[in-house]
Amino acid sequence: MEGTVIAAIAASGVSLVAFALLATMFWRGRWLVLLAGSAAADPERDKACRALGRRMAAVLMAAGTLMATLVVFLAGELARSAGVVSAASMANNVAFVALVVVLIWFFIVQRPNDEHGSPKGGAAPRRSSLDHLHAATIVFVVAVLAVVGAVGAVAAGL
């Protein structure tokens, strides 16, 4: 039991550090090639890529918060502190919901407005496809979710 908990704490800690490092670098406008592929090198798209990096930093901070609350939960479980486990469990649930909300926000904000408008003169609805996103962005989000899921599986003892 303790070995699994210690492994889960280590996995959570490593992912927390990785998410924090990536969020910091994206916020500063570095390593944007991970999100935008070759578009990150295009000077005409620099502003859009930096905005993408800052938005992804928000997603990574939410994922990092989820990992941090998981570490506290696991440490409380290891110390057999019912109060810490209970509070950390609630905080972890809130952090999970926050991650889902931030991911939804991320994809909604990334959608472009239709520039043509509707034929009746009103604003056209926004597109609901993912065609406007770089493939690297989608792969990166899937990788972040895979890490969160893998750490959760280790924490659950699977």
Protein backbone atom coordinates (compact mmCIF):
# COMPACT_ATOMS: atom_id res chain seq x y z
CA MET A 1 0.00 0.00 0.00
CA GLU A 2 2.66 2.50 1.02
CA GLY A 3 4.74 1.70 -2.06
CA THR A 4 1.84 2.50 -4.36
CA VAL A 5 1.11 5.74 -2.52
CA ILE A 6 4.76 6.79 -2.66
CA ALA A 7 4.89 5.98 -6.39
CA ALA A 8 1.73 8.04 -6.93
CA ILE A 9 3.19 10.95 -4.94
CA ALA A 10 6.35 10.79 -7.05
CA ALA A 11 4.38 10.64 -10.31
CA SER A 12 2.16 13.53 -9.20
CA GLY A 13 5.17 15.59 -8.16
CA VAL A 14 7.02 14.99 -11.43
CA SER A 15 3.96 15.90 -13.49
CA LEU A 16 3.37 18.98 -11.32
CA VAL A 17 6.92 20.19 -11.98
CA ALA A 18 6.60 19.42 -15.71
CA PHE A 19 3.28 21.28 -15.97
CA ALA A 20 4.69 24.27 -14.09
CA LEU A 21 7.79 24.39 -16.30
CA LEU A 22 5.77 24.15 -19.49
CA ALA A 23 3.28 26.77 -18.28
CA THR A 24 6.10 29.17 -17.44
CA MET A 25 7.79 28.68 -20.80
CA PHE A 26 4.54 29.06 -22.74
CA TRP A 27 3.61 32.17 -20.75
CA ARG A 28 6.97 33.70 -21.66
CA GLY A 29 6.51 32.85 -25.33
CA ARG A 30 9.08 30.06 -25.42
CA TRP A 31 8.71 26.50 -26.69
CA LEU A 32 5.63 27.50 -28.70
CA VAL A 33 6.65 25.04 -31.39
CA LEU A 34 5.15 22.36 -29.10
CA LEU A 35 1.75 24.02 -29.54
CA ALA A 36 1.82 25.61 -32.96
CA GLY A 37 4.30 23.53 -34.90
CA SER A 38 5.97 25.42 -37.74
CA ALA A 39 3.56 28.35 -37.33
CA ALA A 40 5.51 29.37 -34.21
CA ALA A 41 8.45 30.38 -36.43
CA ASP A 42 6.28 32.62 -38.63
CA PRO A 43 6.69 36.29 -37.58
CA GLU A 44 3.20 37.10 -38.89
CA ARG A 45 1.65 34.64 -36.45
CA ASP A 46 3.79 35.58 -33.45
CA LYS A 47 1.01 37.42 -31.61
CA ALA A 48 -1.49 34.60 -32.14
CA CYS A 49 1.05 31.97 -31.06
CA ARG A 50 1.88 33.91 -27.91
CA ALA A 51 -1.84 34.17 -27.10
CA LEU A 52 -2.14 30.42 -27.65
CA GLY A 53 0.80 29.87 -25.31
CA ARG A 54 -0.75 31.99 -22.57
CA ARG A 55 -4.06 30.18 -22.87
CA MET A 56 -2.32 26.82 -22.70
CA ALA A 57 -0.42 28.05 -19.63
CA ALA A 58 -3.81 28.51 -17.93
CA VAL A 59 -4.74 24.92 -18.82
CA LEU A 60 -1.41 23.67 -17.48
CA MET A 61 -1.83 25.59 -14.24
CA ALA A 62 -5.23 23.97 -13.75
CA ALA A 63 -3.66 20.56 -14.41
CA GLY A 64 -0.85 21.43 -11.99
CA THR A 65 -3.37 22.38 -9.34
CA LEU A 66 -5.04 19.01 -9.80
CA MET A 67 -1.68 17.29 -9.33
CA ALA A 68 -0.87 19.40 -6.24
CA THR A 69 -4.16 18.53 -4.56
CA LEU A 70 -3.56 14.88 -5.41
CA VAL A 71 -0.15 15.04 -3.70
CA VAL A 72 -1.77 16.49 -0.57
CA PHE A 73 -4.48 13.82 -0.66
CA LEU A 74 -1.93 11.03 -1.01
CA ALA A 75 0.31 12.47 1.70
CA GLY A 76 -2.69 12.65 4.03
CA GLU A 77 -3.52 9.06 3.17
CA LEU A 78 0.07 8.02 3.89
CA ALA A 79 -0.02 9.87 7.23
CA ARG A 80 -3.48 8.45 7.95
CA SER A 81 -4.90 11.90 8.61
CA ALA A 82 -8.63 11.75 7.96
CA GLY A 83 -9.06 15.53 8.06
CA VAL A 84 -6.34 16.17 5.48
CA VAL A 85 -7.64 13.38 3.26
CA SER A 86 -11.18 14.75 3.41
CA ALA A 87 -10.19 18.35 2.69
CA ALA A 88 -7.74 17.33 -0.04
CA SER A 89 -10.36 15.08 -1.63
CA MET A 90 -12.79 17.97 -1.87
CA ALA A 91 -10.05 20.27 -3.20
CA ASN A 92 -9.05 17.62 -5.74
CA ASN A 93 -12.62 17.34 -6.98
CA VAL A 94 -12.84 21.11 -7.34
CA ALA A 95 -9.50 21.13 -9.19
CA PHE A 96 -10.75 18.44 -11.57
CA VAL A 97 -13.89 20.43 -12.37
CA ALA A 98 -11.71 23.54 -12.82
CA LEU A 99 -9.52 21.66 -15.31
CA VAL A 100 -12.58 20.63 -17.31
CA VAL A 101 -13.92 24.21 -17.29
CA VAL A 102 -10.54 25.65 -18.33
CA LEU A 103 -10.27 23.12 -21.17
CA ILE A 104 -13.73 24.06 -22.41
CA TRP A 105 -12.77 27.75 -22.15
CA PHE A 106 -9.53 27.05 -24.04
CA PHE A 107 -11.32 25.48 -26.99
CA ILE A 108 -14.12 28.08 -27.05
CA VAL A 109 -11.70 31.02 -26.99
CA GLN A 110 -9.65 29.49 -29.79
CA ARG A 111 -12.60 29.41 -32.18
CA PRO A 112 -12.42 32.15 -34.79
CA ASN A 113 -15.35 34.41 -35.51
CA ASP A 114 -16.89 34.09 -38.94
CA GLU A 115 -15.78 37.22 -40.77
CA HIS A 116 -18.57 37.22 -43.35
CA GLY A 117 -21.60 37.47 -41.10
CA SER A 118 -24.99 36.09 -41.94
CA PRO A 119 -26.90 37.11 -45.07
CA LYS A 120 -29.52 38.83 -42.90
CA GLY A 121 -26.97 41.26 -41.55
CA GLY A 122 -26.51 39.69 -38.13
CA ALA A 123 -23.47 38.03 -36.74
CA ALA A 124 -22.79 34.56 -38.03
CA PRO A 125 -22.49 31.70 -35.58
CA ARG A 126 -19.01 30.58 -34.64
CA ARG A 127 -17.71 27.36 -36.13
CA SER A 128 -17.77 24.28 -33.96
CA SER A 129 -15.06 22.24 -35.68
CA LEU A 130 -11.42 21.96 -34.64
CA ASP A 131 -10.10 22.82 -38.13
CA HIS A 132 -8.71 26.14 -36.90
CA LEU A 133 -6.41 24.50 -34.33
CA HIS A 134 -2.89 23.34 -35.06
CA ALA A 135 -2.52 19.58 -34.95
CA ALA A 136 0.29 20.09 -32.44
CA THR A 137 -2.14 21.86 -30.10
CA ILE A 138 -4.59 18.98 -30.16
CA VAL A 139 -1.81 16.43 -29.66
CA PHE A 140 -0.42 18.46 -26.75
CA VAL A 141 -3.82 18.67 -25.04
CA VAL A 142 -4.32 14.93 -25.48
CA ALA A 143 -0.84 14.33 -24.01
CA VAL A 144 -1.64 16.50 -20.97
CA LEU A 145 -4.88 14.61 -20.42
CA ALA A 146 -3.05 11.29 -20.83
CA VAL A 147 -0.54 12.30 -18.14
CA VAL A 148 -3.35 13.37 -15.81
CA GLY A 149 -5.14 10.07 -16.43
CA ALA A 150 -1.99 7.99 -15.95
CA VAL A 151 -1.15 9.71 -12.67
CA GLY A 152 -4.75 9.23 -11.55
CA ALA A 153 -4.52 5.54 -12.42
CA VAL A 154 -1.31 5.18 -10.41
CA ALA A 155 -2.95 7.00 -7.49
CA ALA A 156 -5.96 4.70 -7.68
CA GLY A 157 -3.65 1.71 -7.55
CA LEU A 158 -4.52 0.36 -10.98
